[in-house]
Protein backbone atom coordinates (compact mmCIF):
# COMPACT_ATOMS: atom_id res chain seq x y z
CA MET A 1 71.52 -19.88 3.40
CA THR A 2 68.41 -18.93 5.33
CA THR A 3 65.31 -20.94 6.16
CA ASP A 4 61.74 -20.08 5.18
CA PHE A 5 61.07 -19.23 8.82
CA GLN A 6 64.01 -16.82 8.95
CA GLU A 7 62.88 -15.17 5.72
CA ARG A 8 59.39 -14.63 7.19
CA VAL A 9 60.93 -13.01 10.27
CA TYR A 10 63.23 -10.77 8.20
CA SER A 11 60.49 -9.78 5.77
CA LYS A 12 58.15 -8.68 8.55
CA LEU A 13 60.90 -6.91 10.49
CA LYS A 14 61.73 -4.67 7.52
CA LYS A 15 58.37 -2.94 8.17
CA VAL A 16 59.50 -1.49 11.51
CA PRO A 17 60.38 2.14 10.78
CA LYS A 18 63.49 3.97 11.91
CA GLY A 19 63.01 5.42 15.39
CA LYS A 20 60.59 2.65 16.44
CA VAL A 21 61.05 -0.68 18.15
CA THR A 22 59.00 -3.84 18.30
CA THR A 23 59.28 -6.87 20.55
CA TYR A 24 60.25 -10.45 19.93
CA LYS A 25 56.70 -11.37 20.95
CA GLU A 26 55.01 -8.91 18.53
CA LEU A 27 57.20 -10.15 15.71
CA ALA A 28 56.39 -13.78 16.55
CA LEU A 29 52.65 -13.03 16.61
CA ALA A 30 52.89 -11.17 13.31
CA ILE A 31 54.27 -14.23 11.52
CA GLY A 32 52.00 -16.72 13.29
CA CYS A 33 54.69 -18.18 15.51
CA GLY A 34 54.16 -18.96 19.18
CA SER A 35 57.81 -18.65 20.14
CA SER A 36 59.56 -15.37 20.85
CA GLN A 37 62.72 -17.38 21.39
CA ALA A 38 62.57 -18.81 17.86
CA VAL A 39 62.35 -15.25 16.52
CA GLY A 40 65.37 -14.32 18.63
CA GLN A 41 67.33 -17.23 17.18
CA ALA A 42 66.45 -16.13 13.65
CA LEU A 43 67.56 -12.58 14.43
CA LYS A 44 70.82 -13.84 15.90
CA ARG A 45 71.60 -15.27 12.47
CA ASN A 46 70.44 -12.26 10.43
CA PRO A 47 72.76 -12.07 7.41
CA TYR A 48 71.05 -8.92 6.09
CA ALA A 49 71.77 -6.47 8.90
CA PRO A 50 71.37 -3.52 8.93
CA LYS A 51 68.98 -3.67 5.94
CA VAL A 52 66.88 -6.02 8.08
CA PRO A 53 67.00 -3.98 11.31
CA CYS A 54 67.27 -6.63 14.04
CA HIS A 55 68.49 -3.87 16.38
CA ARG A 56 64.88 -2.60 16.45
CA VAL A 57 63.65 -5.65 18.37
CA VAL A 58 63.59 -5.46 22.17
CA ALA A 59 62.11 -7.49 25.03
CA SER A 60 58.46 -7.08 26.08
CA ASP A 61 59.53 -5.40 29.34
CA SER A 62 61.25 -2.64 27.27
CA SER A 63 64.74 -3.93 28.04
CA ILE A 64 67.24 -4.06 25.21
CA GLY A 65 67.30 -7.84 24.77
CA GLY A 66 70.10 -9.40 22.78
CA PHE A 67 72.16 -8.41 19.78
CA SER A 68 74.39 -10.51 17.54
CA GLY A 69 73.92 -13.47 19.87
CA HIS A 70 74.98 -11.56 23.00
CA ARG A 71 73.06 -10.15 25.96
CA LYS A 72 75.84 -7.96 27.37
CA GLY A 73 79.09 -6.33 26.40
CA LYS A 74 80.15 -4.36 23.36
CA GLU A 75 77.39 -5.79 21.15
CA ILE A 76 74.67 -4.45 23.46
CA LYS A 77 76.44 -1.09 23.63
CA LYS A 78 76.44 -1.07 19.82
CA LYS A 79 72.69 -1.87 19.71
CA ILE A 80 71.96 0.95 22.15
CA ALA A 81 74.10 3.37 20.12
CA ILE A 82 72.31 2.47 16.88
CA LEU A 83 68.88 2.89 18.49
CA LYS A 84 69.83 6.23 20.03
CA LYS A 85 71.14 7.43 16.65
CA GLU A 86 67.71 6.55 15.20
CA GLY A 87 65.98 8.62 17.90
CA VAL A 88 64.98 5.91 20.37
CA GLU A 89 65.44 7.08 23.96
CA ILE A 90 67.13 4.59 26.26
CA LYS A 91 67.97 4.81 29.94
CA ASP A 92 69.39 2.02 32.10
CA SER A 93 69.12 -0.36 29.14
CA LYS A 94 65.36 0.19 28.80
CA VAL A 95 63.43 2.00 26.08
CA ILE A 96 61.87 5.22 27.40
CA GLY A 97 58.27 5.86 26.32
CA PHE A 98 57.98 2.21 25.33
CA ASP A 99 55.31 1.77 22.67
CA PRO A 100 56.18 -1.27 20.57
CA TYR A 101 55.40 -1.22 16.87
CA LYS A 102 52.49 -3.50 16.08
CA PHE A 103 52.13 -5.11 12.68
């Protein structure tokens, strides 16, 4: 079961197109939330992946951020692989040509 807050996060995130990324901060602003961390917690619990593409959310400094509740290891490698498959360029765990999707 998901909360209303989580559903708002997931609904907005579905608008980020393949090959683009947004940030935890942009997503928080888009739903009227002042906490990027709260958005990250909602994404960590995303039961709709990959239909709700939580892999398309990165940190404001263009670094990969977390994935499936982890900040390193095989989960991050998986996030990077998914993003690269969608056409996002990544080097040294940072998005190249960083231009976050704005809602």
